[in-house]
Amino acid sequence: ARRMFEEAFGALNDPGHLAAHLTKSFGREHQARELADAGWTTRLAEREGQLLAYAQLRAAQAPACVLGAEAVELVRFYVDGAWHGQGLAHALMDDVLAAVAARGAATVWLSVWQVNARAVAFYHRRGFQIVGEQTFHVGDDPQTDWVMARPIAEDPTPSPG
C-alpha cells in the first residue's frame, strides 16, 4: 500500500512532506488496525503473493456536499502502475460497488487530488460526479481534493469483458 501511494504521488510531492505522510499513514501497525476495524472493508487483488491493487471502504461521516442516504467512503483505491490499462481497476471497482451494496449503503463517496486527471477520469467513467472539494494533507502540505460521489444503483459503466 505504501509503495503504491509513493508510486502514484512521489514525483508530485515534496520528499519531506511525502515521507511524513507515509510514516503517518502506512506501516504494519497502522494497516493491522484498519484491517481489524469492523467499520473498514479492505479488498485486495493479488497474484502469486504480490499485491496488484487494493481498495478500502469505511463507515465515516460524509461531508455536507455528499447527498444521499447511508454513504460509505472509498478511502483508498490504488492499482500498481504495471497493471494500469489492463482492466484491473474496473474489476476492483466492480468489487467495491458490490461491497458497498452488501453494506446496505445507498451512496459511495471519495476524495481525489484535483491534479490526478487519470483517476478523476476513471471515477467519472464509473458514474462518480464532483460534488465538492476538501483539503487533504500530505505531511504539512495542504492539497485540494475533489469530493466525488455516486449512488449505488445500476452501474453506468460495468467492467469491460
C-alpha atoms as a PDB file:
ATOM      1  CA  ALA A   1       0.000   0.000   0.000  1.00  0.00           C
ATOM      2  CA  ARG A   2       2.808   2.374   0.901  1.00  0.00           C
ATOM      3  CA  ARG A   3       4.633   1.563  -2.332  1.00  0.00           C
ATOM      4  CA  MET A   4       1.547   2.277  -4.446  1.00  0.00           C
ATOM      5  CA  PHE A   5       0.921   5.633  -2.766  1.00  0.00           C
ATOM      6  CA  GLU A   6       4.556   6.602  -3.255  1.00  0.00           C
ATOM      7  CA  GLU A   7       4.456   5.431  -6.882  1.00  0.00           C
ATOM      8  CA  ALA A   8       1.318   7.451  -7.568  1.00  0.00           C
ATOM      9  CA  PHE A   9       2.301  10.695  -5.834  1.00  0.00           C
ATOM     10  CA  GLY A  10       6.022  10.647  -5.057  1.00  0.00           C
ATOM     11  CA  ALA A  11       7.131  12.710  -8.038  1.00  0.00           C
ATOM     12  CA  LEU A  12       4.419  15.322  -7.384  1.00  0.00           C
ATOM     13  CA  ASN A  13       5.200  15.987  -3.731  1.00  0.00           C
ATOM     14  CA  ASP A  14       7.989  17.443  -1.649  1.00  0.00           C
ATOM     15  CA  PRO A  15      10.054  14.484  -0.355  1.00  0.00           C
ATOM     16  CA  GLY A  16       9.806  15.660   3.267  1.00  0.00           C
ATOM     17  CA  HIS A  17       6.035  16.034   3.172  1.00  0.00           C
ATOM     18  CA  LEU A  18       5.707  12.690   1.401  1.00  0.00           C
ATOM     19  CA  ALA A  19       7.904  10.921   3.972  1.00  0.00           C
ATOM     20  CA  ALA A  20       5.847  12.377   6.838  1.00  0.00           C
ATOM     21  CA  HIS A  21       2.613  11.201   5.221  1.00  0.00           C
ATOM     22  CA  LEU A  22       3.946   7.719   4.525  1.00  0.00           C
ATOM     23  CA  THR A  23       5.131   7.352   8.124  1.00  0.00           C
ATOM     24  CA  LYS A  24       1.776   8.545   9.484  1.00  0.00           C
ATOM     25  CA  SER A  25      -0.492   6.573   7.138  1.00  0.00           C
ATOM     26  CA  PHE A  26       1.291   3.331   6.336  1.00  0.00           C
ATOM     27  CA  GLY A  27       3.013   0.615   8.313  1.00  0.00           C
ATOM     28  CA  ARG A  28       2.274  -2.801   9.801  1.00  0.00           C
ATOM     29  CA  GLU A  29       0.616  -1.497  12.951  1.00  0.00           C
ATOM     30  CA  HIS A  30      -1.438   1.107  11.107  1.00  0.00           C
ATOM     31  CA  GLN A  31      -2.695  -1.337   8.487  1.00  0.00           C
ATOM     32  CA  ALA A  32      -3.331  -4.004  11.162  1.00  0.00           C
ATOM     33  CA  ARG A  33      -5.645  -1.554  12.988  1.00  0.00           C
ATOM     34  CA  GLU A  34      -7.523  -0.802   9.768  1.00  0.00           C
ATOM     35  CA  LEU A  35      -7.910  -4.499   8.962  1.00  0.00           C
ATOM     36  CA  ALA A  36      -9.162  -5.253  12.491  1.00  0.00           C
ATOM     37  CA  ASP A  37     -11.680  -2.374  12.490  1.00  0.00           C
ATOM     38  CA  ALA A  38     -15.199  -3.677  11.723  1.00  0.00           C
ATOM     39  CA  GLY A  39     -16.026  -0.305  10.131  1.00  0.00           C
ATOM     40  CA  TRP A  40     -13.445  -0.870   7.405  1.00  0.00           C
ATOM     41  CA  THR A  41     -13.598  -3.204   4.403  1.00  0.00           C
ATOM     42  CA  THR A  42     -10.384  -3.969   2.515  1.00  0.00           C
ATOM     43  CA  ARG A  43     -10.400  -5.589  -0.919  1.00  0.00           C
ATOM     44  CA  LEU A  44      -7.188  -6.940  -2.447  1.00  0.00           C
ATOM     45  CA  ALA A  45      -6.113  -8.084  -5.888  1.00  0.00           C
ATOM     46  CA  GLU A  46      -3.095 -10.365  -5.676  1.00  0.00           C
ATOM     47  CA  ARG A  47      -1.129 -12.614  -7.971  1.00  0.00           C
ATOM     48  CA  GLU A  48       1.338 -15.163  -6.618  1.00  0.00           C
ATOM     49  CA  GLY A  49       1.535 -13.295  -3.321  1.00  0.00           C
ATOM     50  CA  GLN A  50       2.161  -9.906  -4.988  1.00  0.00           C
ATOM     51  CA  LEU A  51      -0.270  -7.067  -4.237  1.00  0.00           C
ATOM     52  CA  LEU A  52      -1.534  -5.686  -7.569  1.00  0.00           C
ATOM     53  CA  ALA A  53      -4.313  -3.417  -6.350  1.00  0.00           C
ATOM     54  CA  TYR A  54      -6.355  -2.646  -3.283  1.00  0.00           C
ATOM     55  CA  ALA A  55      -9.326  -0.627  -2.117  1.00  0.00           C
ATOM     56  CA  GLN A  56     -10.561   0.327   1.325  1.00  0.00           C
ATOM     57  CA  LEU A  57     -14.024   1.386   2.414  1.00  0.00           C
ATOM     58  CA  ARG A  58     -15.038   2.799   5.769  1.00  0.00           C
ATOM     59  CA  ALA A  59     -18.077   3.993   7.574  1.00  0.00           C
ATOM     60  CA  ALA A  60     -17.360   7.687   8.056  1.00  0.00           C
ATOM     61  CA  GLN A  61     -19.240  10.948   8.300  1.00  0.00           C
ATOM     62  CA  ALA A  62     -19.659  12.231   4.752  1.00  0.00           C
ATOM     63  CA  PRO A  63     -19.030  15.897   4.025  1.00  0.00           C
ATOM     64  CA  ALA A  64     -22.157  18.054   3.688  1.00  0.00           C
ATOM     65  CA  CYS A  65     -21.753  18.141  -0.112  1.00  0.00           C
ATOM     66  CA  VAL A  66     -22.430  14.376  -0.312  1.00  0.00           C
ATOM     67  CA  LEU A  67     -26.159  13.920  -0.679  1.00  0.00           C
ATOM     68  CA  GLY A  68     -27.702  10.516  -0.392  1.00  0.00           C
ATOM     69  CA  ALA A  69     -28.550   8.212   2.430  1.00  0.00           C
ATOM     70  CA  GLU A  70     -26.186   5.836   4.135  1.00  0.00           C
ATOM     71  CA  ALA A  71     -22.987   6.990   2.438  1.00  0.00           C
ATOM     72  CA  VAL A  72     -19.791   4.911   2.635  1.00  0.00           C
ATOM     73  CA  GLU A  73     -16.352   6.386   1.926  1.00  0.00           C
ATOM     74  CA  LEU A  74     -13.979   4.812  -0.577  1.00  0.00           C
ATOM     75  CA  VAL A  75     -10.852   5.803   1.339  1.00  0.00           C
ATOM     76  CA  ARG A  76      -8.205   4.238  -0.885  1.00  0.00           C
ATOM     77  CA  PHE A  77      -8.202   2.833  -4.402  1.00  0.00           C
ATOM     78  CA  TYR A  78      -4.815   2.002  -5.891  1.00  0.00           C
ATOM     79  CA  VAL A  79      -3.594  -0.133  -8.777  1.00  0.00           C
ATOM     80  CA  ASP A  80       0.074  -0.962  -9.305  1.00  0.00           C
ATOM     81  CA  GLY A  81       1.385   1.043 -12.269  1.00  0.00           C
ATOM     82  CA  ALA A  82       2.345  -2.117 -14.158  1.00  0.00           C
ATOM     83  CA  TRP A  83      -1.346  -3.076 -14.211  1.00  0.00           C
ATOM     84  CA  HIS A  84      -2.756   0.239 -15.434  1.00  0.00           C
ATOM     85  CA  GLY A  85      -4.859  -0.105 -18.572  1.00  0.00           C
ATOM     86  CA  GLN A  86      -5.417  -3.856 -18.189  1.00  0.00           C
ATOM     87  CA  GLY A  87      -8.932  -3.814 -16.714  1.00  0.00           C
ATOM     88  CA  LEU A  88      -7.885  -4.462 -13.130  1.00  0.00           C
ATOM     89  CA  ALA A  89      -9.203  -1.094 -11.906  1.00  0.00           C
ATOM     90  CA  HIS A  90     -12.627  -1.828 -13.421  1.00  0.00           C
ATOM     91  CA  ALA A  91     -12.722  -5.282 -11.825  1.00  0.00           C
ATOM     92  CA  LEU A  92     -11.720  -3.842  -8.457  1.00  0.00           C
ATOM     93  CA  MET A  93     -14.355  -1.095  -8.748  1.00  0.00           C
ATOM     94  CA  ASP A  94     -16.998  -3.734  -9.557  1.00  0.00           C
ATOM     95  CA  ASP A  95     -15.973  -5.495  -6.343  1.00  0.00           C
ATOM     96  CA  VAL A  96     -16.025  -2.236  -4.361  1.00  0.00           C
ATOM     97  CA  LEU A  97     -19.517  -1.346  -5.564  1.00  0.00           C
ATOM     98  CA  ALA A  98     -20.755  -4.830  -4.657  1.00  0.00           C
ATOM     99  CA  ALA A  99     -19.184  -4.473  -1.184  1.00  0.00           C
ATOM    100  CA  VAL A 100     -20.873  -1.088  -0.693  1.00  0.00           C
ATOM    101  CA  ALA A 101     -24.225  -2.572  -1.745  1.00  0.00           C
ATOM    102  CA  ALA A 102     -23.689  -5.513   0.635  1.00  0.00           C
ATOM    103  CA  ARG A 103     -23.280  -2.998   3.471  1.00  0.00           C
ATOM    104  CA  GLY A 104     -26.736  -1.673   2.607  1.00  0.00           C
ATOM    105  CA  ALA A 105     -25.418   1.758   1.663  1.00  0.00           C
ATOM    106  CA  ALA A 106     -27.093   3.894  -0.976  1.00  0.00           C
ATOM    107  CA  THR A 107     -24.136   6.160  -1.803  1.00  0.00           C
ATOM    108  CA  VAL A 108     -20.368   5.859  -2.120  1.00  0.00           C
ATOM    109  CA  TRP A 109     -18.071   8.877  -1.996  1.00  0.00           C
ATOM    110  CA  LEU A 110     -14.342   9.555  -2.231  1.00  0.00           C
ATOM    111  CA  SER A 111     -11.832  12.348  -2.399  1.00  0.00           C
ATOM    112  CA  VAL A 112      -9.272  12.549  -5.181  1.00  0.00           C
ATOM    113  CA  TRP A 113      -6.468  15.048  -5.708  1.00  0.00           C
ATOM    114  CA  GLN A 114      -7.528  17.541  -8.362  1.00  0.00           C
ATOM    115  CA  VAL A 115      -4.261  17.144 -10.289  1.00  0.00           C
ATOM    116  CA  ASN A 116      -4.781  13.365 -10.618  1.00  0.00           C
ATOM    117  CA  ALA A 117      -6.504  13.598 -14.014  1.00  0.00           C
ATOM    118  CA  ARG A 118      -6.278   9.860 -14.727  1.00  0.00           C
ATOM    119  CA  ALA A 119      -8.113   8.951 -11.509  1.00  0.00           C
ATOM    120  CA  VAL A 120     -10.703  11.708 -11.919  1.00  0.00           C
ATOM    121  CA  ALA A 121     -11.472  10.484 -15.449  1.00  0.00           C
ATOM    122  CA  PHE A 122     -11.748   6.871 -14.256  1.00  0.00           C
ATOM    123  CA  TYR A 123     -14.160   7.812 -11.473  1.00  0.00           C
ATOM    124  CA  HIS A 124     -16.254   9.858 -13.941  1.00  0.00           C
ATOM    125  CA  ARG A 125     -16.461   6.819 -16.241  1.00  0.00           C
ATOM    126  CA  ARG A 126     -17.691   4.789 -13.283  1.00  0.00           C
ATOM    127  CA  GLY A 127     -20.530   7.191 -12.512  1.00  0.00           C
ATOM    128  CA  PHE A 128     -18.954   9.424  -9.844  1.00  0.00           C
ATOM    129  CA  GLN A 129     -19.707  13.136 -10.042  1.00  0.00           C
ATOM    130  CA  ILE A 130     -17.831  16.028  -8.459  1.00  0.00           C
ATOM    131  CA  VAL A 131     -19.961  17.338  -5.602  1.00  0.00           C
ATOM    132  CA  GLY A 132     -17.472  19.484  -3.700  1.00  0.00           C
ATOM    133  CA  GLU A 133     -13.911  19.787  -2.508  1.00  0.00           C
ATOM    134  CA  GLN A 134     -11.926  19.294   0.674  1.00  0.00           C
ATOM    135  CA  THR A 135      -8.373  19.566   1.915  1.00  0.00           C
ATOM    136  CA  PHE A 136      -6.069  16.552   2.184  1.00  0.00           C
ATOM    137  CA  HIS A 137      -2.699  16.915   3.893  1.00  0.00           C
ATOM    138  CA  VAL A 138       0.442  15.221   2.635  1.00  0.00           C
ATOM    139  CA  GLY A 139       2.690  15.916   5.576  1.00  0.00           C
ATOM    140  CA  ASP A 140       2.241  19.631   6.225  1.00  0.00           C
ATOM    141  CA  ASP A 141       1.244  20.352   2.613  1.00  0.00           C
ATOM    142  CA  PRO A 142      -2.488  21.097   2.230  1.00  0.00           C
ATOM    143  CA  GLN A 143      -3.794  19.887  -1.130  1.00  0.00           C
ATOM    144  CA  THR A 144      -7.228  20.350  -2.642  1.00  0.00           C
ATOM    145  CA  ASP A 145      -9.195  17.213  -3.457  1.00  0.00           C
ATOM    146  CA  TRP A 146     -12.409  16.844  -5.380  1.00  0.00           C
ATOM    147  CA  VAL A 147     -15.150  15.123  -3.417  1.00  0.00           C
ATOM    148  CA  MET A 148     -16.912  12.740  -5.800  1.00  0.00           C
ATOM    149  CA  ALA A 149     -19.998  10.646  -5.128  1.00  0.00           C
ATOM    150  CA  ARG A 150     -22.381   8.276  -6.858  1.00  0.00           C
ATOM    151  CA  PRO A 151     -25.456   6.294  -5.944  1.00  0.00           C
ATOM    152  CA  ILE A 152     -25.299   2.540  -5.585  1.00  0.00           C
ATOM    153  CA  ALA A 153     -27.669   1.633  -8.347  1.00  0.00           C
ATOM    154  CA  GLU A 154     -27.105   0.148 -11.749  1.00  0.00           C
ATOM    155  CA  ASP A 155     -23.513   0.922 -12.752  1.00  0.00           C
ATOM    156  CA  PRO A 156     -23.448   3.026 -15.945  1.00  0.00           C
ATOM    157  CA  THR A 157     -20.084   1.608 -16.989  1.00  0.00           C
ATOM    158  CA  PRO A 158     -19.618  -2.024 -15.997  1.00  0.00           C
ATOM    159  CA  SER A 159     -16.215  -3.523 -16.404  1.00  0.00           C
ATOM    160  CA  PRO A 160     -15.098  -4.438 -19.930  1.00  0.00           C
ATOM    161  CA  GLY A 161     -15.452  -8.052 -20.992  1.00  0.00           C
END
